[in-house]
Structures are given as structure tokens and as C-alpha cells.
Amino acid sequence: MGRPRCKPVERFEELPRYEQDSGANIAYQFVVTPGTLGLMSAGRVRAKGPTTKALDCHDGWDQIYLILKGAGTILLGRRRISVRAGMVVRIPQKTVHGVHLKHGERIEYIYVNAFANRRALEGLLKTLRQPLRARASTPPDRVRAPTADAPRRGSKPPR
């Protein structure tokens, strides 16, 4: 059995949605589902304030954010960086990062994950196969987002 393939062209509205243990008022979609296009994946994130995307930290892949619309604050390590449409944010692996939006702020961005190796990708894929918690409001086409590197007390924060 070969790996799943990506459609060559899709509208944003057709992209599969997923949930992630994170802040309120945030919508996630896969642009390139992990495991379908080599050692990379990508997604679309839309958020409106007030909200804070939970702090994350990846061990096994670098990430970039391509800011498409809006503005907000990126938490990168110990820095708070104001970003707006047209900017690129580069996040090296093992860097704590997140997004903070004040009341009235909105942001839309594409993230791209560049996995260091097949093992890192397979670790993420393992978390995607975990079932969603039962919730009446969750549409059946949603899948659980990567959370395997979620922190335990006294450990580093998740991605």
C-alpha cells in the first residue's frame, strides 16, 4: 500500500480541518497532511483575538509561518515579536513558540514543517492516529492534531 496522495489543486474551503489542544477562536486545516509529501507538512491557521495559541516546542522539525492576513504577536523563545501580513517567521526546532492576539486582532498564516528525518515524521503521524475526545459539536471529518510532545509538569512546553 502506497502513501496517500495530495490533490494537485484545492480551494482553502476544501482542506481537511483538525483540532489541536490550544487556545480559543483558532481554526486549523491541513494544506499538506503529514506523510503525503516527503519529509514536510503544512497547515493553515486562522485566529481571532482575544486568544493565545498554547506554547509549543518541536524536537525533530523546523517550522516557518507565512503571515497571509492580519497581525498579532509571535512568542519566540523569550521574545515577543509583532507580525503582520507579508512577513515570514522562522522557528528552529527546540524553540518555544506561540501566538498571542489582543481583542479585535485577527491573523491567518500558513505553517510549514520541515522534518529532520523519517523518525520525526513518524512520531507526528503516530499522534494523528489517536482518536478525538468525544464531543457532540465536533464534525466527523476532523482529526486530532499533533500533541505527542505535550509537556508534563516540569518538562518543556509542547509545539
N, C-alpha and C. Protein backbone atom coordinates (compact mmCIF):
# COMPACT_ATOMS: atom_id res chain seq x y z
N MET A 1 0.84 -1.18 0.00
CA MET A 1 0.00 0.00 0.00
C MET A 1 0.88 1.24 0.00
N GLY A 2 0.72 2.13 -0.96
CA GLY A 2 1.50 3.37 -1.05
C GLY A 2 0.97 4.42 -0.10
N ARG A 3 1.75 5.47 0.03
CA ARG A 3 1.30 6.56 0.91
C ARG A 3 0.18 7.34 0.24
N PRO A 4 -0.68 8.00 1.05
CA PRO A 4 -1.78 8.79 0.48
C PRO A 4 -1.22 9.92 -0.39
N ARG A 5 -1.96 10.31 -1.38
CA ARG A 5 -1.51 11.38 -2.27
C ARG A 5 -2.31 12.65 -2.03
N CYS A 6 -1.67 13.77 -2.33
CA CYS A 6 -2.33 15.07 -2.24
C CYS A 6 -3.01 15.36 -3.57
N LYS A 7 -4.14 16.05 -3.51
CA LYS A 7 -4.74 16.57 -4.73
C LYS A 7 -3.81 17.66 -5.25
N PRO A 8 -3.66 17.80 -6.57
CA PRO A 8 -2.76 18.84 -7.08
C PRO A 8 -3.27 20.26 -6.84
N VAL A 9 -4.60 20.45 -6.80
CA VAL A 9 -5.17 21.79 -6.58
C VAL A 9 -6.40 21.65 -5.69
N GLU A 10 -6.49 22.49 -4.68
CA GLU A 10 -7.67 22.51 -3.79
C GLU A 10 -7.93 23.94 -3.36
N ARG A 11 -9.18 24.23 -3.09
CA ARG A 11 -9.55 25.52 -2.50
C ARG A 11 -9.37 25.43 -1.00
N PHE A 12 -9.06 26.55 -0.35
CA PHE A 12 -8.90 26.55 1.10
C PHE A 12 -10.10 25.91 1.79
N GLU A 13 -11.31 26.19 1.29
CA GLU A 13 -12.52 25.67 1.92
C GLU A 13 -12.60 24.15 1.88
N GLU A 14 -11.89 23.51 0.95
CA GLU A 14 -11.92 22.05 0.81
C GLU A 14 -10.89 21.34 1.68
N LEU A 15 -9.95 22.06 2.25
CA LEU A 15 -8.89 21.44 3.03
C LEU A 15 -9.45 20.79 4.29
N PRO A 16 -8.91 19.63 4.68
CA PRO A 16 -9.41 18.96 5.89
C PRO A 16 -9.11 19.78 7.14
N ARG A 17 -10.09 19.85 8.02
CA ARG A 17 -9.95 20.57 9.28
C ARG A 17 -9.45 19.61 10.35
N TYR A 18 -8.78 20.16 11.35
CA TYR A 18 -8.40 19.36 12.51
C TYR A 18 -8.44 20.23 13.75
N GLU A 19 -8.41 19.58 14.88
CA GLU A 19 -8.39 20.29 16.16
C GLU A 19 -7.05 20.10 16.82
N GLN A 20 -6.70 21.05 17.64
CA GLN A 20 -5.46 21.00 18.38
C GLN A 20 -5.74 21.51 19.78
N ASP A 21 -5.14 20.89 20.78
CA ASP A 21 -5.29 21.39 22.15
C ASP A 21 -4.56 22.72 22.22
N SER A 22 -5.31 23.80 22.15
CA SER A 22 -4.71 25.12 22.06
C SER A 22 -5.71 26.15 22.56
N GLY A 23 -5.54 27.40 22.15
CA GLY A 23 -6.42 28.47 22.59
C GLY A 23 -7.77 28.47 21.90
N ALA A 24 -8.64 29.37 22.36
CA ALA A 24 -9.98 29.51 21.78
C ALA A 24 -9.92 30.33 20.50
N ASN A 25 -10.95 30.25 19.68
CA ASN A 25 -11.10 31.06 18.46
C ASN A 25 -10.00 30.80 17.43
N ILE A 26 -9.55 29.54 17.33
CA ILE A 26 -8.50 29.19 16.38
C ILE A 26 -8.98 28.03 15.52
N ALA A 27 -8.88 28.17 14.19
CA ALA A 27 -9.27 27.12 13.25
C ALA A 27 -8.03 26.60 12.53
N TYR A 28 -7.95 25.28 12.38
CA TYR A 28 -6.79 24.63 11.76
C TYR A 28 -7.23 23.80 10.56
N GLN A 29 -6.40 23.81 9.51
CA GLN A 29 -6.61 22.97 8.33
C GLN A 29 -5.26 22.45 7.84
N PHE A 30 -5.26 21.22 7.33
CA PHE A 30 -4.06 20.70 6.70
C PHE A 30 -3.98 21.21 5.26
N VAL A 31 -2.86 21.76 4.88
CA VAL A 31 -2.57 22.11 3.49
C VAL A 31 -1.86 20.93 2.85
N VAL A 32 -0.86 20.40 3.55
CA VAL A 32 -0.17 19.16 3.17
C VAL A 32 -0.21 18.27 4.41
N THR A 33 -1.03 17.23 4.37
CA THR A 33 -1.16 16.32 5.50
C THR A 33 0.16 15.58 5.71
N PRO A 34 0.62 15.48 6.96
CA PRO A 34 1.87 14.75 7.22
C PRO A 34 1.83 13.35 6.62
N GLY A 35 2.93 12.95 5.97
CA GLY A 35 3.02 11.63 5.37
C GLY A 35 2.59 11.56 3.92
N THR A 36 2.15 12.69 3.34
CA THR A 36 1.69 12.65 1.95
C THR A 36 2.67 13.27 0.96
N LEU A 37 3.69 13.97 1.44
CA LEU A 37 4.60 14.67 0.54
C LEU A 37 6.01 14.73 1.14
N GLY A 38 6.64 13.58 1.22
CA GLY A 38 8.01 13.54 1.73
C GLY A 38 8.12 13.95 3.18
N LEU A 39 9.23 14.59 3.52
CA LEU A 39 9.53 14.96 4.90
C LEU A 39 9.07 16.38 5.21
N MET A 40 7.83 16.69 4.85
CA MET A 40 7.27 18.01 5.17
C MET A 40 5.77 17.89 5.35
N SER A 41 5.22 18.89 5.99
CA SER A 41 3.77 19.04 6.09
C SER A 41 3.49 20.52 6.21
N ALA A 42 2.23 20.91 6.03
CA ALA A 42 1.88 22.32 6.11
C ALA A 42 0.42 22.44 6.52
N GLY A 43 0.10 23.59 7.09
CA GLY A 43 -1.28 23.83 7.51
C GLY A 43 -1.62 25.30 7.46
N ARG A 44 -2.91 25.55 7.55
CA ARG A 44 -3.44 26.92 7.58
C ARG A 44 -4.05 27.16 8.95
N VAL A 45 -3.74 28.30 9.53
CA VAL A 45 -4.28 28.66 10.84
C VAL A 45 -4.97 30.01 10.72
N ARG A 46 -6.20 30.10 11.23
CA ARG A 46 -6.94 31.36 11.30
C ARG A 46 -7.36 31.56 12.74
N ALA A 47 -7.09 32.75 13.27
CA ALA A 47 -7.42 33.02 14.66
C ALA A 47 -7.90 34.45 14.83
N LYS A 48 -8.75 34.63 15.85
CA LYS A 48 -9.19 35.99 16.19
C LYS A 48 -9.07 36.17 17.70
N GLY A 49 -8.69 37.38 18.07
CA GLY A 49 -8.48 37.69 19.48
C GLY A 49 -9.77 38.02 20.20
N PRO A 50 -9.74 37.93 21.48
CA PRO A 50 -8.54 37.63 22.27
C PRO A 50 -8.30 36.12 22.34
N THR A 51 -7.06 35.72 22.11
CA THR A 51 -6.67 34.31 22.23
C THR A 51 -5.16 34.21 22.32
N THR A 52 -4.71 33.09 22.81
CA THR A 52 -3.29 32.75 22.81
C THR A 52 -3.17 31.30 22.40
N LYS A 53 -2.41 31.05 21.33
CA LYS A 53 -2.14 29.67 20.92
C LYS A 53 -1.14 29.11 21.91
N ALA A 54 -1.47 27.97 22.48
CA ALA A 54 -0.62 27.37 23.50
C ALA A 54 0.83 27.27 23.04
N LEU A 55 1.74 27.48 23.96
CA LEU A 55 3.16 27.39 23.63
C LEU A 55 3.51 25.98 23.17
N ASP A 56 4.36 25.91 22.15
CA ASP A 56 4.82 24.66 21.57
C ASP A 56 6.33 24.63 21.51
N CYS A 57 6.86 23.44 21.35
CA CYS A 57 8.30 23.28 21.15
C CYS A 57 8.49 21.95 20.44
N HIS A 58 9.07 21.96 19.24
CA HIS A 58 9.23 20.75 18.43
C HIS A 58 10.65 20.23 18.54
N ASP A 59 10.76 18.93 18.72
CA ASP A 59 12.06 18.27 18.67
C ASP A 59 12.01 17.32 17.49
N GLY A 60 12.61 17.71 16.38
CA GLY A 60 12.59 16.84 15.21
C GLY A 60 12.19 17.56 13.93
N TRP A 61 11.75 18.81 14.04
CA TRP A 61 11.45 19.56 12.83
C TRP A 61 11.52 21.06 13.07
N ASP A 62 11.92 21.76 12.00
CA ASP A 62 11.89 23.22 11.96
C ASP A 62 10.54 23.63 11.40
N GLN A 63 10.17 24.88 11.63
CA GLN A 63 8.87 25.36 11.17
C GLN A 63 8.99 26.80 10.71
N ILE A 64 8.18 27.16 9.71
CA ILE A 64 8.07 28.57 9.33
C ILE A 64 6.59 28.94 9.30
N TYR A 65 6.31 30.21 9.57
CA TYR A 65 4.97 30.77 9.42
C TYR A 65 5.04 31.80 8.31
N LEU A 66 4.12 31.72 7.36
CA LEU A 66 3.96 32.71 6.30
C LEU A 66 2.69 33.49 6.65
N ILE A 67 2.82 34.72 7.09
CA ILE A 67 1.67 35.50 7.55
C ILE A 67 0.93 36.03 6.33
N LEU A 68 -0.31 35.56 6.13
CA LEU A 68 -1.11 35.93 4.96
C LEU A 68 -1.96 37.17 5.19
N LYS A 69 -2.62 37.24 6.35
CA LYS A 69 -3.54 38.33 6.65
C LYS A 69 -3.43 38.70 8.12
N GLY A 70 -3.77 39.94 8.42
CA GLY A 70 -3.90 40.36 9.80
C GLY A 70 -2.58 40.66 10.48
N ALA A 71 -2.63 40.66 11.83
CA ALA A 71 -1.47 41.00 12.64
C ALA A 71 -1.64 40.39 14.02
N GLY A 72 -0.52 40.26 14.73
CA GLY A 72 -0.55 39.74 16.09
C GLY A 72 0.85 39.72 16.66
N THR A 73 1.02 38.97 17.72
CA THR A 73 2.30 38.86 18.39
C THR A 73 2.74 37.40 18.40
N ILE A 74 3.95 37.16 17.92
CA ILE A 74 4.54 35.83 17.96
C ILE A 74 5.44 35.76 19.18
N LEU A 75 5.28 34.71 19.96
CA LEU A 75 6.16 34.45 21.10
C LEU A 75 7.22 33.49 20.59
N LEU A 76 8.47 33.91 20.59
CA LEU A 76 9.57 33.12 20.03
C LEU A 76 10.71 33.09 21.03
N GLY A 77 10.86 31.96 21.70
CA GLY A 77 11.81 31.91 22.81
C GLY A 77 11.33 32.87 23.88
N ARG A 78 12.18 33.78 24.30
CA ARG A 78 11.81 34.77 25.31
C ARG A 78 11.35 36.09 24.69
N ARG A 79 11.30 36.13 23.35
CA ARG A 79 10.94 37.38 22.66
C ARG A 79 9.47 37.41 22.27
N ARG A 80 8.93 38.63 22.24
CA ARG A 80 7.58 38.89 21.72
C ARG A 80 7.78 39.75 20.48
N ILE A 81 7.34 39.25 19.32
CA ILE A 81 7.60 39.92 18.05
C ILE A 81 6.27 40.26 17.38
N SER A 82 6.05 41.54 17.07
CA SER A 82 4.85 41.95 16.34
C SER A 82 5.01 41.54 14.88
N VAL A 83 3.97 40.88 14.34
CA VAL A 83 4.00 40.44 12.94
C VAL A 83 2.74 40.92 12.25
N ARG A 84 2.80 40.98 10.91
CA ARG A 84 1.65 41.37 10.10
C ARG A 84 1.76 40.68 8.74
N ALA A 85 0.71 40.80 7.94
CA ALA A 85 0.67 40.18 6.61
C ALA A 85 1.93 40.53 5.83
N GLY A 86 2.45 39.53 5.11
CA GLY A 86 3.63 39.73 4.29
C GLY A 86 4.93 39.37 4.99
N MET A 87 4.86 38.91 6.24
CA MET A 87 6.08 38.56 6.98
C MET A 87 6.26 37.05 7.05
N VAL A 88 7.51 36.63 7.26
CA VAL A 88 7.89 35.22 7.44
C VAL A 88 8.51 35.08 8.82
N VAL A 89 8.10 34.06 9.56
CA VAL A 89 8.66 33.75 10.87
C VAL A 89 9.36 32.40 10.78
N ARG A 90 10.63 32.33 11.13
CA ARG A 90 11.39 31.08 11.10
C ARG A 90 11.56 30.57 12.53
N ILE A 91 11.17 29.31 12.75
CA ILE A 91 11.19 28.73 14.09
C ILE A 91 12.07 27.47 14.07
N PRO A 92 13.29 27.58 14.56
CA PRO A 92 14.16 26.38 14.62
C PRO A 92 13.60 25.35 15.60
N GLN A 93 13.91 24.08 15.37
CA GLN A 93 13.45 23.06 16.31
C GLN A 93 13.99 23.36 17.71
N LYS A 94 13.26 22.90 18.71
CA LYS A 94 13.56 23.09 20.12
C LYS A 94 13.41 24.54 20.58
N THR A 95 12.68 25.37 19.80
CA THR A 95 12.41 26.75 20.19
C THR A 95 10.96 26.87 20.66
N VAL A 96 10.76 27.34 21.87
CA VAL A 96 9.41 27.55 22.39
C VAL A 96 8.76 28.67 21.60
N HIS A 97 7.52 28.46 21.15
CA HIS A 97 6.84 29.47 20.33
C HIS A 97 5.33 29.40 20.52
N GLY A 98 4.66 30.51 20.18
CA GLY A 98 3.21 30.60 20.27
C GLY A 98 2.74 31.87 19.59
N VAL A 99 1.43 32.11 19.63
CA VAL A 99 0.82 33.28 19.01
C VAL A 99 -0.12 33.91 20.04
N HIS A 100 -0.08 35.23 20.15
CA HIS A 100 -0.98 35.96 21.05
C HIS A 100 -1.71 37.04 20.26
N LEU A 101 -3.02 37.09 20.42
CA LEU A 101 -3.84 38.11 19.77
C LEU A 101 -4.65 38.86 20.82
N LYS A 102 -4.62 40.18 20.75
CA LYS A 102 -5.44 41.02 21.62
C LYS A 102 -6.86 41.07 21.06
N HIS A 103 -7.78 41.59 21.87
CA HIS A 103 -9.17 41.75 21.44
C HIS A 103 -9.20 42.54 20.12
N GLY A 104 -9.92 42.03 19.13
CA GLY A 104 -10.06 42.69 17.84
C GLY A 104 -9.00 42.31 16.82
N GLU A 105 -7.90 41.69 17.25
CA GLU A 105 -6.87 41.28 16.28
C GLU A 105 -7.27 39.96 15.63
N ARG A 106 -6.87 39.82 14.37
CA ARG A 106 -7.07 38.59 13.61
C ARG A 106 -5.78 38.28 12.87
N ILE A 107 -5.56 36.98 12.64
CA ILE A 107 -4.38 36.59 11.87
C ILE A 107 -4.70 35.33 11.08
N GLU A 108 -4.09 35.21 9.92
CA GLU A 108 -4.17 34.00 9.12
C GLU A 108 -2.76 33.72 8.63
N TYR A 109 -2.31 32.47 8.82
CA TYR A 109 -0.96 32.12 8.36
C TYR A 109 -0.90 30.66 7.92
N ILE A 110 0.09 30.39 7.11
CA ILE A 110 0.42 29.02 6.70
C ILE A 110 1.67 28.63 7.47
N TYR A 111 1.65 27.46 8.08
CA TYR A 111 2.88 26.94 8.69
C TYR A 111 3.42 25.83 7.81
N VAL A 112 4.73 25.70 7.76
CA VAL A 112 5.38 24.63 7.02
C VAL A 112 6.33 23.93 7.99
N ASN A 113 6.19 22.60 8.10
CA ASN A 113 7.07 21.79 8.93
C ASN A 113 8.08 21.09 8.05
N ALA A 114 9.36 21.22 8.37
CA ALA A 114 10.44 20.51 7.66
C ALA A 114 11.04 19.51 8.64
N PHE A 115 10.68 18.24 8.47
CA PHE A 115 11.12 17.19 9.38
C PHE A 115 12.59 16.84 9.16
N ALA A 116 13.32 16.65 10.26
CA ALA A 116 14.75 16.34 10.19
C ALA A 116 14.99 14.95 9.60
N ASN A 117 14.04 14.03 9.84
CA ASN A 117 14.20 12.66 9.36
C ASN A 117 12.86 11.93 9.42
N ARG A 118 12.85 10.73 8.91
CA ARG A 118 11.63 9.92 8.85
C ARG A 118 11.10 9.62 10.25
N ARG A 119 12.00 9.42 11.20
CA ARG A 119 11.59 9.11 12.58
C ARG A 119 10.75 10.25 13.18
N ALA A 120 11.18 11.49 12.95
CA ALA A 120 10.42 12.65 13.46
C ALA A 120 9.03 12.69 12.82
N LEU A 121 8.95 12.47 11.52
CA LEU A 121 7.66 12.45 10.82
C LEU A 121 6.78 11.33 11.36
N GLU A 122 7.34 10.14 11.57
CA GLU A 122 6.56 9.01 12.07
C GLU A 122 6.04 9.27 13.49
N GLY A 123 6.81 10.00 14.29
CA GLY A 123 6.34 10.38 15.63
C GLY A 123 5.10 11.25 15.56
N LEU A 124 5.11 12.20 14.62
CA LEU A 124 3.94 13.05 14.44
C LEU A 124 2.76 12.24 13.91
N LEU A 125 3.00 11.37 12.94
CA LEU A 125 1.93 10.55 12.37
C LEU A 125 1.27 9.67 13.44
N LYS A 126 2.06 9.17 14.39
CA LYS A 126 1.51 8.35 15.46
C LYS A 126 0.48 9.14 16.27
N THR A 127 0.75 10.41 16.54
CA THR A 127 -0.20 11.21 17.31
C THR A 127 -1.47 11.48 16.52
N LEU A 128 -1.37 11.55 15.20
CA LEU A 128 -2.55 11.83 14.37
C LEU A 128 -3.54 10.67 14.37
N ARG A 129 -3.06 9.47 14.66
CA ARG A 129 -3.94 8.30 14.68
C ARG A 129 -4.69 8.17 15.99
N GLN A 130 -4.41 9.03 16.97
CA GLN A 130 -5.12 8.97 18.24
C GLN A 130 -6.52 9.54 18.05
N PRO A 131 -7.53 8.89 18.65
CA PRO A 131 -8.91 9.35 18.45
C PRO A 131 -9.19 10.67 19.16
N LEU A 132 -10.17 11.38 18.63
CA LEU A 132 -10.65 12.61 19.26
C LEU A 132 -11.39 12.27 20.55
N ARG A 133 -11.37 13.19 21.47
CA ARG A 133 -12.24 13.06 22.64
C ARG A 133 -13.67 13.21 22.14
N ALA A 134 -14.58 12.48 22.74
CA ALA A 134 -15.98 12.55 22.32
C ALA A 134 -16.55 13.93 22.64
N ARG A 135 -17.03 14.62 21.60
CA ARG A 135 -17.68 15.93 21.76
C ARG A 135 -18.79 16.03 20.73
N ALA A 136 -19.95 16.38 21.15
CA ALA A 136 -21.11 16.45 20.24
C ALA A 136 -20.92 17.48 19.15
N SER A 137 -20.18 18.55 19.41
CA SER A 137 -20.05 19.62 18.43
C SER A 137 -18.94 19.39 17.41
N THR A 138 -18.19 18.30 17.53
CA THR A 138 -17.07 18.06 16.62
C THR A 138 -17.53 17.31 15.38
N PRO A 139 -17.38 17.93 14.18
CA PRO A 139 -17.75 17.24 12.94
C PRO A 139 -16.91 15.97 12.76
N PRO A 140 -17.46 14.92 12.14
CA PRO A 140 -16.73 13.66 11.99
C PRO A 140 -15.52 13.75 11.08
N ASP A 141 -15.39 14.79 10.24
CA ASP A 141 -14.25 14.88 9.33
C ASP A 141 -13.02 15.49 10.00
N ARG A 142 -13.08 15.76 11.29
CA ARG A 142 -11.94 16.35 11.98
C ARG A 142 -11.04 15.27 12.55
N VAL A 143 -9.75 15.52 12.57
CA VAL A 143 -8.79 14.60 13.18
C VAL A 143 -8.04 15.33 14.27
N ARG A 144 -7.50 14.59 15.19
CA ARG A 144 -6.76 15.21 16.30
C ARG A 144 -5.40 15.67 15.80
N ALA A 145 -5.03 16.85 16.19
CA ALA A 145 -3.75 17.42 15.78
C ALA A 145 -2.62 16.83 16.60
N PRO A 146 -1.40 17.04 16.13
CA PRO A 146 -0.24 16.53 16.83
C PRO A 146 -0.14 17.09 18.25
N THR A 147 -0.04 16.20 19.24
CA THR A 147 0.15 16.66 20.62
C THR A 147 1.09 15.73 21.39
N ALA A 148 1.82 14.86 20.71
CA ALA A 148 2.67 13.88 21.39
C ALA A 148 3.74 14.54 22.24
N ASP A 149 4.18 15.74 21.85
CA ASP A 149 5.23 16.38 22.61
C ASP A 149 4.66 17.35 23.64
N ALA A 150 3.41 17.13 24.06
CA ALA A 150 2.80 17.99 25.08
C ALA A 150 3.57 17.84 26.38
N PRO A 151 3.70 18.92 27.13
CA PRO A 151 4.54 18.86 28.32
C PRO A 151 3.87 18.14 29.48
N ARG A 152 4.68 17.55 30.30
CA ARG A 152 4.24 17.07 31.60
C ARG A 152 4.86 18.05 32.58
N ARG A 153 4.33 18.11 33.76
CA ARG A 153 4.85 19.07 34.73
C ARG A 153 6.36 18.94 34.83
N GLY A 154 7.03 20.09 34.76
CA GLY A 154 8.47 20.12 34.87
C GLY A 154 9.21 19.85 33.57
N SER A 155 8.47 19.66 32.47
CA SER A 155 9.13 19.42 31.19
C SER A 155 8.92 20.61 30.27
N LYS A 156 9.51 20.52 29.09
CA LYS A 156 9.40 21.64 28.15
C LYS A 156 7.98 21.72 27.58
N PRO A 157 7.54 22.92 27.14
CA PRO A 157 6.19 23.07 26.60
C PRO A 157 6.05 22.38 25.26
N PRO A 158 4.77 22.07 24.83
CA PRO A 158 4.55 21.46 23.53
C PRO A 158 4.74 22.44 22.41
N ARG A 159 4.65 21.94 21.18
CA ARG A 159 4.82 22.77 19.99
C ARG A 159 3.74 23.78 19.82
